[in-house]
């Protein structure tokens, strides 16, 4: 399938920040509908790979919400913002350089370990359940500026999650997807039960 017109359509849906930061590209050889590698601190551009042969099995509203959700998640990832772990990564990196210059192998190991532990915490904070739920809710907010109601947007995103699993031949949704679906059912007024606060932080 010729994907350029669809890529242009999807870019038009995105908010301005998403258009500036994100690059959409066709990747027909991938086995998943849509994929976005976790952006590293040194990468300015956020890549989104789409298998348009699989993508076309989704409805237009499902496509809209899925791309908004993916880009919302990508643009929410911030490696450089002032907090404890960011500071520890910086201290660790500076410590490695200073200890290496002084030839202190033990100091290099300790500083490197400090930086690695802090980096792991940053990585985990960008992969927690709350971040996933926030990305869904951010996508719904953007969709409302594109003509969807919040209930419609939640229902389309919910059906997109389920449809993607089916298209990809997965027997079931994973744990985080199940939590996302429950949260979306609550937003879509399909269930009175949302996601408990203790599960949002897992």
N, C-alpha and C. Protein backbone atom coordinates (compact mmCIF):
# COMPACT_ATOMS: atom_id res chain seq x y z
N UNK A 1 0.84 -1.20 0.00
CA UNK A 1 0.00 0.00 0.00
C UNK A 1 0.88 1.26 0.00
N UNK A 2 0.49 2.27 -0.74
CA UNK A 2 1.21 3.53 -0.75
C UNK A 2 0.88 4.29 0.52
N UNK A 3 1.86 4.51 1.38
CA UNK A 3 1.60 4.99 2.73
C UNK A 3 1.72 6.49 2.91
N UNK A 4 2.33 7.19 1.95
CA UNK A 4 2.58 8.62 2.14
C UNK A 4 1.32 9.45 2.41
N UNK A 5 0.23 9.25 1.65
CA UNK A 5 -1.00 10.03 1.97
C UNK A 5 -1.51 9.77 3.38
N UNK A 6 -1.42 8.51 3.82
CA UNK A 6 -1.88 8.19 5.17
C UNK A 6 -0.97 8.81 6.22
N UNK A 7 0.32 8.82 5.97
CA UNK A 7 1.26 9.46 6.91
C UNK A 7 0.94 10.95 7.02
N UNK A 8 0.66 11.59 5.89
CA UNK A 8 0.31 13.02 5.93
C UNK A 8 -0.98 13.24 6.70
N UNK A 9 -1.96 12.36 6.51
CA UNK A 9 -3.22 12.48 7.25
C UNK A 9 -2.99 12.34 8.75
N UNK A 10 -2.17 11.37 9.14
CA UNK A 10 -1.90 11.15 10.56
C UNK A 10 -1.14 12.32 11.17
N UNK A 11 -0.21 12.88 10.43
CA UNK A 11 0.53 14.05 10.93
C UNK A 11 -0.42 15.23 11.16
N UNK A 12 -1.43 15.37 10.30
CA UNK A 12 -2.40 16.46 10.45
C UNK A 12 -3.21 16.31 11.74
N UNK A 13 -3.39 15.09 12.19
CA UNK A 13 -4.17 14.83 13.41
C UNK A 13 -3.38 15.22 14.66
N UNK A 14 -2.07 15.08 14.58
CA UNK A 14 -1.23 15.27 15.76
C UNK A 14 -1.22 16.72 16.22
N UNK A 15 -1.04 16.93 17.52
CA UNK A 15 -0.82 18.31 18.00
C UNK A 15 0.52 18.81 17.48
N UNK A 16 0.72 20.12 17.52
CA UNK A 16 1.94 20.72 16.96
C UNK A 16 3.20 20.14 17.58
N UNK A 17 3.19 19.92 18.89
CA UNK A 17 4.38 19.36 19.55
C UNK A 17 4.69 17.96 19.03
N UNK A 18 3.65 17.19 18.77
CA UNK A 18 3.83 15.84 18.24
C UNK A 18 4.38 15.85 16.83
N UNK A 19 3.90 16.78 16.01
CA UNK A 19 4.41 16.88 14.64
C UNK A 19 5.88 17.27 14.61
N UNK A 20 6.29 18.14 15.53
CA UNK A 20 7.68 18.60 15.54
C UNK A 20 8.63 17.50 16.01
N UNK A 21 8.19 16.70 16.97
CA UNK A 21 9.09 15.74 17.59
C UNK A 21 9.06 14.36 16.95
N UNK A 22 7.99 14.05 16.21
CA UNK A 22 7.75 12.67 15.79
C UNK A 22 7.96 12.49 14.29
N UNK A 23 8.54 11.35 13.95
CA UNK A 23 8.66 10.96 12.56
C UNK A 23 7.89 9.66 12.36
N UNK A 24 6.91 9.67 11.45
CA UNK A 24 6.14 8.47 11.13
C UNK A 24 6.74 7.83 9.88
N UNK A 25 6.87 6.52 9.90
CA UNK A 25 7.46 5.82 8.75
C UNK A 25 6.82 4.46 8.58
N UNK A 26 6.79 4.00 7.34
CA UNK A 26 6.27 2.67 7.02
C UNK A 26 7.32 1.61 7.30
N UNK A 27 6.88 0.50 7.91
CA UNK A 27 7.77 -0.62 8.16
C UNK A 27 6.96 -1.91 7.96
N UNK A 28 6.77 -2.30 6.69
CA UNK A 28 5.90 -3.44 6.40
C UNK A 28 6.41 -4.77 6.92
N UNK A 29 7.69 -4.86 7.22
CA UNK A 29 8.24 -6.15 7.67
C UNK A 29 8.00 -6.43 9.15
N UNK A 30 7.55 -5.42 9.92
CA UNK A 30 7.35 -5.66 11.35
C UNK A 30 6.06 -6.44 11.58
N UNK A 31 6.05 -7.22 12.66
CA UNK A 31 4.91 -8.10 12.94
C UNK A 31 3.82 -7.42 13.77
N UNK A 32 4.10 -6.20 14.23
CA UNK A 32 3.12 -5.46 15.03
C UNK A 32 2.54 -4.33 14.21
N UNK A 33 1.37 -3.87 14.60
CA UNK A 33 0.68 -2.81 13.85
C UNK A 33 1.47 -1.50 13.93
N UNK A 34 1.84 -1.12 15.14
CA UNK A 34 2.55 0.15 15.36
C UNK A 34 3.60 -0.07 16.43
N UNK A 35 4.75 0.53 16.23
CA UNK A 35 5.84 0.35 17.18
C UNK A 35 6.60 1.66 17.31
N UNK A 36 7.07 1.92 18.52
CA UNK A 36 7.85 3.14 18.75
C UNK A 36 8.95 2.79 19.74
N UNK A 37 10.20 2.74 19.27
CA UNK A 37 11.29 2.43 20.19
C UNK A 37 11.41 3.49 21.28
N UNK A 38 11.77 3.04 22.46
CA UNK A 38 11.91 3.98 23.57
C UNK A 38 13.02 4.96 23.24
N UNK A 39 12.72 6.27 23.27
CA UNK A 39 13.73 7.26 22.86
C UNK A 39 14.84 7.42 23.88
N UNK A 40 16.06 7.37 23.41
CA UNK A 40 17.21 7.56 24.26
C UNK A 40 17.49 9.06 24.45
N UNK A 41 18.24 9.43 25.49
CA UNK A 41 18.45 10.87 25.76
C UNK A 41 19.09 11.62 24.61
N UNK A 42 19.90 10.93 23.81
CA UNK A 42 20.63 11.61 22.73
C UNK A 42 19.84 11.68 21.42
N UNK A 43 18.63 11.11 21.39
CA UNK A 43 17.83 11.16 20.17
C UNK A 43 16.79 12.28 20.27
N UNK A 44 16.82 13.21 19.34
CA UNK A 44 15.87 14.31 19.35
C UNK A 44 14.54 13.90 18.71
N UNK A 45 14.61 13.05 17.69
CA UNK A 45 13.42 12.66 16.94
C UNK A 45 12.81 11.39 17.52
N UNK A 46 11.50 11.37 17.66
CA UNK A 46 10.80 10.21 18.18
C UNK A 46 10.21 9.45 16.99
N UNK A 47 10.66 8.21 16.80
CA UNK A 47 10.24 7.42 15.65
C UNK A 47 9.00 6.60 15.95
N UNK A 48 8.10 6.53 14.97
CA UNK A 48 6.93 5.65 15.04
C UNK A 48 6.91 4.84 13.75
N UNK A 49 7.00 3.52 13.89
CA UNK A 49 6.96 2.63 12.73
C UNK A 49 5.56 2.03 12.62
N UNK A 50 5.02 2.03 11.40
CA UNK A 50 3.67 1.50 11.17
C UNK A 50 3.72 0.47 10.05
N UNK A 51 3.10 -0.68 10.30
CA UNK A 51 2.90 -1.67 9.24
C UNK A 51 1.53 -1.35 8.64
N UNK A 52 1.53 -0.68 7.49
CA UNK A 52 0.27 -0.20 6.93
C UNK A 52 -0.61 -1.33 6.40
N UNK A 53 -0.04 -2.49 6.12
CA UNK A 53 -0.87 -3.63 5.73
C UNK A 53 -1.76 -4.06 6.89
N UNK A 54 -1.22 -4.02 8.10
CA UNK A 54 -2.01 -4.33 9.30
C UNK A 54 -2.84 -3.13 9.74
N UNK A 55 -2.26 -1.95 9.62
CA UNK A 55 -2.92 -0.70 10.02
C UNK A 55 -4.29 -0.54 9.34
N UNK A 56 -4.35 -0.93 8.07
CA UNK A 56 -5.58 -0.75 7.30
C UNK A 56 -6.72 -1.66 7.75
N UNK A 57 -6.42 -2.59 8.66
CA UNK A 57 -7.49 -3.43 9.20
C UNK A 57 -8.24 -2.74 10.35
N UNK A 58 -7.72 -1.60 10.77
CA UNK A 58 -8.38 -0.81 11.81
C UNK A 58 -9.32 0.21 11.16
N UNK A 59 -10.35 0.60 11.89
CA UNK A 59 -11.23 1.66 11.41
C UNK A 59 -10.51 3.00 11.50
N UNK A 60 -11.00 4.00 10.80
CA UNK A 60 -10.39 5.33 10.84
C UNK A 60 -10.34 5.90 12.27
N UNK A 61 -11.44 5.84 13.04
CA UNK A 61 -11.35 6.35 14.42
C UNK A 61 -10.36 5.58 15.28
N UNK A 62 -10.28 4.27 15.08
CA UNK A 62 -9.29 3.49 15.83
C UNK A 62 -7.88 3.94 15.47
N UNK A 63 -7.63 4.17 14.20
CA UNK A 63 -6.32 4.66 13.76
C UNK A 63 -6.00 6.00 14.39
N UNK A 64 -6.98 6.90 14.37
CA UNK A 64 -6.78 8.24 14.93
C UNK A 64 -6.37 8.16 16.40
N UNK A 65 -7.12 7.38 17.17
CA UNK A 65 -6.83 7.32 18.61
C UNK A 65 -5.53 6.57 18.89
N UNK A 66 -5.23 5.58 18.08
CA UNK A 66 -4.00 4.83 18.30
C UNK A 66 -2.76 5.69 18.03
N UNK A 67 -2.79 6.48 16.97
CA UNK A 67 -1.63 7.34 16.68
C UNK A 67 -1.53 8.46 17.72
N UNK A 68 -2.66 9.02 18.14
CA UNK A 68 -2.63 10.06 19.17
C UNK A 68 -2.08 9.50 20.48
N UNK A 69 -2.46 8.29 20.80
CA UNK A 69 -2.00 7.67 22.04
C UNK A 69 -0.50 7.37 21.98
N UNK A 70 -0.05 6.84 20.87
CA UNK A 70 1.38 6.51 20.73
C UNK A 70 2.24 7.76 20.84
N UNK A 71 1.82 8.82 20.16
CA UNK A 71 2.59 10.06 20.18
C UNK A 71 2.48 10.74 21.55
N UNK A 72 1.35 10.64 22.20
CA UNK A 72 1.21 11.19 23.56
C UNK A 72 2.18 10.51 24.51
N UNK A 73 2.32 9.20 24.38
CA UNK A 73 3.27 8.47 25.23
C UNK A 73 4.71 8.90 24.92
N UNK A 74 5.03 8.96 23.65
CA UNK A 74 6.40 9.33 23.25
C UNK A 74 6.79 10.72 23.72
N UNK A 75 5.89 11.67 23.54
CA UNK A 75 6.22 13.05 23.89
C UNK A 75 6.20 13.30 25.40
N UNK A 76 5.64 12.35 26.16
CA UNK A 76 5.63 12.51 27.62
C UNK A 76 6.94 12.07 28.25
N UNK A 77 7.79 11.38 27.49
CA UNK A 77 9.05 10.87 28.03
C UNK A 77 10.07 12.00 28.09
N UNK A 78 10.49 12.31 29.27
CA UNK A 78 11.46 13.39 29.48
C UNK A 78 12.66 12.82 30.24
N UNK A 79 13.78 12.79 29.58
CA UNK A 79 15.00 12.35 30.25
C UNK A 79 15.61 13.47 31.08
N UNK A 80 15.45 14.69 30.61
CA UNK A 80 16.13 15.80 31.27
C UNK A 80 15.12 16.76 31.88
N UNK A 81 14.80 16.53 33.13
CA UNK A 81 13.99 17.46 33.90
C UNK A 81 14.48 17.39 35.34
N UNK A 82 14.47 18.51 36.04
CA UNK A 82 15.11 18.53 37.35
C UNK A 82 14.37 17.67 38.37
N UNK A 83 15.02 16.61 38.84
CA UNK A 83 14.54 15.83 39.97
C UNK A 83 15.73 15.08 40.56
N UNK A 84 15.50 14.31 41.60
CA UNK A 84 16.59 13.63 42.31
C UNK A 84 17.38 12.72 41.38
N UNK A 85 16.66 11.90 40.60
CA UNK A 85 17.36 10.91 39.78
C UNK A 85 18.14 11.55 38.65
N UNK A 86 17.58 12.62 38.07
CA UNK A 86 18.34 13.33 37.04
C UNK A 86 19.64 13.86 37.62
N UNK A 87 19.57 14.40 38.84
CA UNK A 87 20.76 14.92 39.50
C UNK A 87 21.78 13.83 39.78
N UNK A 88 21.29 12.66 40.20
CA UNK A 88 22.20 11.56 40.49
C UNK A 88 22.87 11.04 39.24
N UNK A 89 22.15 11.01 38.12
CA UNK A 89 22.77 10.60 36.86
C UNK A 89 23.90 11.56 36.50
N UNK A 90 23.62 12.86 36.65
CA UNK A 90 24.64 13.87 36.34
C UNK A 90 25.85 13.73 37.27
N UNK A 91 25.57 13.58 38.56
CA UNK A 91 26.67 13.41 39.53
C UNK A 91 27.47 12.15 39.20
N UNK A 92 26.76 11.07 38.87
CA UNK A 92 27.45 9.83 38.53
C UNK A 92 28.33 9.98 37.31
N UNK A 93 27.81 10.64 36.28
CA UNK A 93 28.60 10.84 35.05
C UNK A 93 29.83 11.70 35.32
N UNK A 94 29.64 12.79 36.07
CA UNK A 94 30.78 13.65 36.41
C UNK A 94 31.78 12.91 37.28
N UNK A 95 31.26 12.08 38.18
CA UNK A 95 32.13 11.30 39.05
C UNK A 95 32.99 10.32 38.27
N UNK A 96 32.39 9.67 37.28
CA UNK A 96 33.14 8.73 36.44
C UNK A 96 34.27 9.45 35.73
N UNK A 97 33.97 10.63 35.17
CA UNK A 97 35.00 11.40 34.45
C UNK A 97 36.12 11.81 35.39
N UNK A 98 35.75 12.35 36.56
CA UNK A 98 36.77 12.83 37.50
C UNK A 98 37.64 11.68 38.02
N UNK A 99 36.98 10.57 38.36
CA UNK A 99 37.74 9.44 38.90
C UNK A 99 38.60 8.80 37.82
N UNK A 100 38.12 8.79 36.58
CA UNK A 100 38.92 8.24 35.49
C UNK A 100 40.16 9.09 35.24
N UNK A 101 39.99 10.41 35.30
CA UNK A 101 41.13 11.32 35.12
C UNK A 101 42.17 11.09 36.23
N UNK A 102 41.68 10.84 37.44
CA UNK A 102 42.59 10.61 38.57
C UNK A 102 43.12 9.18 38.62
N UNK A 103 42.58 8.31 37.76
CA UNK A 103 43.05 6.92 37.72
C UNK A 103 42.55 6.07 38.87
N UNK A 104 41.45 6.47 39.48
CA UNK A 104 40.89 5.72 40.61
C UNK A 104 39.82 4.75 40.10
N UNK A 105 40.18 3.48 39.94
CA UNK A 105 39.26 2.48 39.39
C UNK A 105 38.06 2.26 40.30
N UNK A 106 38.29 2.25 41.62
CA UNK A 106 37.18 2.06 42.55
C UNK A 106 36.19 3.21 42.46
N UNK A 107 36.71 4.42 42.37
CA UNK A 107 35.86 5.60 42.24
C UNK A 107 35.04 5.56 40.96
N UNK A 108 35.65 5.10 39.87
CA UNK A 108 34.93 4.98 38.60
C UNK A 108 33.76 4.01 38.74
N UNK A 109 34.02 2.87 39.38
CA UNK A 109 32.97 1.85 39.57
C UNK A 109 31.84 2.39 40.43
N UNK A 110 32.17 3.06 41.53
CA UNK A 110 31.14 3.59 42.43
C UNK A 110 30.31 4.67 41.74
N UNK A 111 30.98 5.60 41.07
CA UNK A 111 30.26 6.68 40.38
C UNK A 111 29.41 6.11 39.24
N UNK A 112 29.97 5.14 38.52
CA UNK A 112 29.21 4.50 37.44
C UNK A 112 27.99 3.78 37.95
N UNK A 113 28.14 3.09 39.09
CA UNK A 113 27.00 2.37 39.70
C UNK A 113 25.91 3.34 40.12
N UNK A 114 26.32 4.47 40.73
CA UNK A 114 25.35 5.49 41.13
C UNK A 114 24.56 6.00 39.93
N UNK A 115 25.28 6.32 38.85
CA UNK A 115 24.61 6.79 37.63
C UNK A 115 23.70 5.74 37.04
N UNK A 116 24.14 4.47 37.05
CA UNK A 116 23.33 3.39 36.48
C UNK A 116 22.05 3.17 37.27
N UNK A 117 22.15 3.21 38.60
CA UNK A 117 20.96 3.03 39.44
C UNK A 117 19.95 4.16 39.18
N UNK A 118 20.44 5.38 39.13
CA UNK A 118 19.55 6.53 38.88
C UNK A 118 18.94 6.43 37.48
N UNK A 119 19.74 6.03 36.49
CA UNK A 119 19.23 5.87 35.13
C UNK A 119 18.15 4.81 35.05
N UNK A 120 18.33 3.72 35.81
CA UNK A 120 17.32 2.67 35.86
C UNK A 120 16.01 3.19 36.44
N UNK A 121 16.11 4.02 37.47
CA UNK A 121 14.90 4.59 38.07
C UNK A 121 14.17 5.51 37.08
N UNK A 122 14.93 6.28 36.31
CA UNK A 122 14.30 7.14 35.29
C UNK A 122 13.59 6.27 34.26
N UNK A 123 14.28 5.21 33.82
CA UNK A 123 13.69 4.29 32.84
C UNK A 123 12.39 3.71 33.37
N UNK A 124 12.41 3.25 34.63
CA UNK A 124 11.20 2.64 35.21
C UNK A 124 10.07 3.65 35.33
N UNK A 125 10.39 4.89 35.69
CA UNK A 125 9.34 5.90 35.83
C UNK A 125 8.67 6.20 34.49
N UNK A 126 9.41 6.01 33.39
CA UNK A 126 8.83 6.23 32.07
C UNK A 126 8.08 5.01 31.54
N UNK A 127 8.12 3.91 32.29
CA UNK A 127 7.43 2.69 31.87
C UNK A 127 6.36 2.25 32.87
N UNK A 128 6.05 3.07 33.86
CA UNK A 128 5.09 2.62 34.86
C UNK A 128 3.66 2.73 34.34
N UNK A 129 2.75 2.10 35.08
CA UNK A 129 1.35 2.03 34.67
C UNK A 129 0.73 3.41 34.56
N UNK A 130 1.06 4.28 35.50
CA UNK A 130 0.49 5.63 35.47
C UNK A 130 0.83 6.36 34.18
N UNK A 131 2.07 6.19 33.72
CA UNK A 131 2.50 6.82 32.46
C UNK A 131 1.64 6.31 31.29
N UNK A 132 1.33 5.01 31.29
CA UNK A 132 0.51 4.42 30.23
C UNK A 132 -0.92 4.98 30.27
N UNK A 133 -1.47 5.06 31.46
CA UNK A 133 -2.84 5.59 31.61
C UNK A 133 -2.88 7.07 31.26
N UNK A 134 -1.85 7.81 31.65
CA UNK A 134 -1.79 9.24 31.32
C UNK A 134 -1.75 9.44 29.80
N UNK A 135 -1.02 8.57 29.09
CA UNK A 135 -0.92 8.69 27.64
C UNK A 135 -2.29 8.46 27.00
N UNK A 136 -3.05 7.50 27.51
CA UNK A 136 -4.41 7.28 26.99
C UNK A 136 -5.28 8.52 27.20
N UNK A 137 -5.20 9.08 28.40
CA UNK A 137 -6.04 10.23 28.72
C UNK A 137 -5.62 11.47 27.94
N UNK A 138 -4.32 11.62 27.70
CA UNK A 138 -3.84 12.75 26.89
C UNK A 138 -4.34 12.60 25.45
N UNK A 139 -4.33 11.38 24.93
CA UNK A 139 -4.82 11.15 23.57
C UNK A 139 -6.30 11.49 23.46
N UNK A 140 -7.06 11.16 24.49
CA UNK A 140 -8.50 11.48 24.49
C UNK A 140 -8.71 12.99 24.49
N UNK A 141 -7.89 13.71 25.24
CA UNK A 141 -8.00 15.18 25.27
C UNK A 141 -7.72 15.78 23.89
N UNK A 142 -6.68 15.29 23.23
CA UNK A 142 -6.37 15.80 21.88
C UNK A 142 -7.48 15.43 20.92
N UNK A 143 -8.01 14.22 21.04
CA UNK A 143 -9.09 13.77 20.14
C UNK A 143 -10.32 14.67 20.26
N UNK A 144 -10.55 15.22 21.44
CA UNK A 144 -11.70 16.13 21.60
C UNK A 144 -11.52 17.40 20.78
N UNK A 145 -10.26 17.79 20.52
CA UNK A 145 -10.00 18.94 19.66
C UNK A 145 -10.08 18.55 18.19
N UNK A 146 -10.24 17.26 17.93
CA UNK A 146 -10.36 16.76 16.56
C UNK A 146 -11.78 16.30 16.25
N UNK A 147 -12.73 16.67 17.12
CA UNK A 147 -14.13 16.40 16.84
C UNK A 147 -14.74 15.21 17.54
N UNK A 148 -13.98 14.49 18.33
CA UNK A 148 -14.52 13.37 19.09
C UNK A 148 -14.97 13.85 20.47
N UNK A 149 -16.00 13.21 21.00
CA UNK A 149 -16.32 13.44 22.41
C UNK A 149 -15.39 12.56 23.24
N UNK A 150 -15.29 12.85 24.55
CA UNK A 150 -14.42 12.03 25.38
C UNK A 150 -14.89 10.58 25.43
N UNK A 151 -16.20 10.37 25.44
CA UNK A 151 -16.74 9.00 25.48
C UNK A 151 -16.44 8.27 24.17
N UNK A 152 -16.66 8.95 23.04
CA UNK A 152 -16.35 8.34 21.74
C UNK A 152 -14.87 8.00 21.64
N UNK A 153 -14.02 8.93 22.03
CA UNK A 153 -12.57 8.71 21.93
C UNK A 153 -12.15 7.53 22.80
N UNK A 154 -12.67 7.46 24.02
CA UNK A 154 -12.31 6.34 24.90
C UNK A 154 -12.76 5.01 24.30
N UNK A 155 -13.95 5.00 23.73
CA UNK A 155 -14.45 3.75 23.13
C UNK A 155 -13.64 3.34 21.91
N UNK A 156 -13.25 4.30 21.10
CA UNK A 156 -12.43 3.98 19.92
C UNK A 156 -11.05 3.48 20.33
N UNK A 157 -10.45 4.09 21.35
CA UNK A 157 -9.14 3.64 21.80
C UNK A 157 -9.24 2.25 22.43
N UNK A 158 -10.29 2.03 23.20
CA UNK A 158 -10.52 0.72 23.79
C UNK A 158 -10.64 -0.36 22.70
N UNK A 159 -11.45 -0.08 21.69
CA UNK A 159 -11.62 -1.07 20.62
C UNK A 159 -10.33 -1.24 19.81
N UNK A 160 -9.52 -0.17 19.71
CA UNK A 160 -8.25 -0.26 18.99
C UNK A 160 -7.28 -1.18 19.71
N UNK A 161 -7.20 -1.07 21.02
CA UNK A 161 -6.31 -1.95 21.80
C UNK A 161 -6.69 -3.40 21.58
N UNK A 162 -7.98 -3.69 21.64
CA UNK A 162 -8.45 -5.06 21.46
C UNK A 162 -8.24 -5.54 20.03
N UNK A 163 -8.48 -4.65 19.05
CA UNK A 163 -8.32 -5.01 17.64
C UNK A 163 -6.87 -5.29 17.30
N UNK A 164 -5.95 -4.48 17.84
CA UNK A 164 -4.52 -4.66 17.57
C UNK A 164 -4.05 -6.03 18.06
N UNK A 165 -4.49 -6.42 19.25
CA UNK A 165 -4.11 -7.74 19.78
C UNK A 165 -4.60 -8.85 18.85
N UNK A 166 -5.81 -8.68 18.35
CA UNK A 166 -6.36 -9.69 17.44
C UNK A 166 -5.61 -9.72 16.10
N UNK A 167 -5.34 -8.55 15.55
CA UNK A 167 -4.61 -8.46 14.27
C UNK A 167 -3.22 -9.07 14.40
N UNK A 168 -2.57 -8.85 15.52
CA UNK A 168 -1.23 -9.36 15.73
C UNK A 168 -1.20 -10.83 16.14
N UNK A 169 -2.38 -11.41 16.31
CA UNK A 169 -2.46 -12.83 16.64
C UNK A 169 -2.09 -13.16 18.07
N UNK A 170 -2.23 -12.18 18.96
CA UNK A 170 -1.94 -12.44 20.37
C UNK A 170 -3.16 -13.06 21.04
N UNK A 171 -2.97 -14.10 21.85
CA UNK A 171 -4.13 -14.77 22.45
C UNK A 171 -4.85 -13.93 23.50
N UNK A 172 -4.13 -12.99 24.12
CA UNK A 172 -4.76 -12.17 25.15
C UNK A 172 -3.99 -10.87 25.32
N UNK A 173 -4.60 -9.94 26.03
CA UNK A 173 -3.95 -8.68 26.35
C UNK A 173 -3.00 -8.88 27.53
N UNK A 174 -1.93 -8.07 27.58
CA UNK A 174 -1.05 -8.17 28.74
C UNK A 174 -1.67 -7.39 29.91
N UNK A 175 -1.01 -7.45 31.07
CA UNK A 175 -1.57 -6.88 32.29
C UNK A 175 -1.81 -5.38 32.16
N UNK A 176 -0.83 -4.66 31.62
CA UNK A 176 -0.98 -3.20 31.49
C UNK A 176 -2.11 -2.87 30.52
N UNK A 177 -2.21 -3.62 29.43
CA UNK A 177 -3.31 -3.39 28.48
C UNK A 177 -4.67 -3.63 29.13
N UNK A 178 -4.75 -4.63 29.99
CA UNK A 178 -6.01 -4.89 30.70
C UNK A 178 -6.37 -3.73 31.62
N UNK A 179 -5.36 -3.17 32.31
CA UNK A 179 -5.61 -2.01 33.16
C UNK A 179 -6.04 -0.80 32.33
N UNK A 180 -5.36 -0.61 31.20
CA UNK A 180 -5.73 0.50 30.31
C UNK A 180 -7.17 0.34 29.83
N UNK A 181 -7.54 -0.87 29.46
CA UNK A 181 -8.91 -1.11 28.99
C UNK A 181 -9.93 -0.83 30.08
N UNK A 182 -9.61 -1.22 31.32
CA UNK A 182 -10.54 -0.96 32.42
C UNK A 182 -10.69 0.54 32.64
N UNK A 183 -9.59 1.27 32.57
CA UNK A 183 -9.65 2.72 32.73
C UNK A 183 -10.47 3.36 31.61
N UNK A 184 -10.27 2.88 30.39
CA UNK A 184 -11.02 3.42 29.25
C UNK A 184 -12.50 3.08 29.34
N UNK A 185 -12.82 1.89 29.85
CA UNK A 185 -14.25 1.55 30.04
C UNK A 185 -14.91 2.51 31.02
N UNK A 186 -14.17 2.88 32.06
CA UNK A 186 -14.72 3.84 33.04
C UNK A 186 -14.92 5.21 32.39
N UNK A 187 -13.95 5.67 31.59
CA UNK A 187 -14.08 6.96 30.91
C UNK A 187 -15.22 6.93 29.91
N UNK A 188 -15.38 5.77 29.24
CA UNK A 188 -16.42 5.63 28.21
C UNK A 188 -17.80 5.33 28.79
N UNK A 189 -17.90 5.30 30.13
CA UNK A 189 -19.17 5.03 30.82
C UNK A 189 -19.68 3.62 30.55
N UNK A 190 -18.75 2.71 30.27
CA UNK A 190 -19.12 1.31 30.06
C UNK A 190 -18.97 0.50 31.33
N UNK A 191 -18.31 1.08 32.33
CA UNK A 191 -18.10 0.41 33.61
C UNK A 191 -18.00 1.46 34.70
N UNK A 192 -18.59 1.18 35.87
CA UNK A 192 -18.46 2.14 36.97
C UNK A 192 -17.13 2.01 37.72
N UNK A 193 -16.35 1.00 37.36
CA UNK A 193 -15.12 0.71 38.10
C UNK A 193 -13.91 1.13 37.29
N UNK A 194 -13.08 2.00 37.87
CA UNK A 194 -11.85 2.42 37.22
C UNK A 194 -10.67 1.58 37.69
N UNK A 195 -9.49 2.12 37.57
CA UNK A 195 -8.27 1.43 38.01
C UNK A 195 -7.93 1.91 39.41
N UNK A 196 -7.81 0.98 40.38
CA UNK A 196 -7.47 1.39 41.75
C UNK A 196 -6.13 2.12 41.81
N UNK A 197 -6.03 3.05 42.75
CA UNK A 197 -4.82 3.89 42.85
C UNK A 197 -3.56 3.06 43.06
N UNK A 198 -3.66 1.94 43.80
CA UNK A 198 -2.45 1.14 44.07
C UNK A 198 -1.94 0.46 42.82
N UNK A 199 -2.81 0.19 41.83
CA UNK A 199 -2.36 -0.43 40.59
C UNK A 199 -1.81 0.59 39.60
N UNK A 200 -2.20 1.85 39.76
CA UNK A 200 -1.72 2.89 38.84
C UNK A 200 -0.22 3.12 38.99
N UNK A 201 0.35 2.82 40.11
CA UNK A 201 1.76 3.11 40.37
C UNK A 201 2.64 1.89 40.22
N UNK A 202 2.11 0.78 39.73
CA UNK A 202 2.93 -0.43 39.56
C UNK A 202 3.84 -0.32 38.34
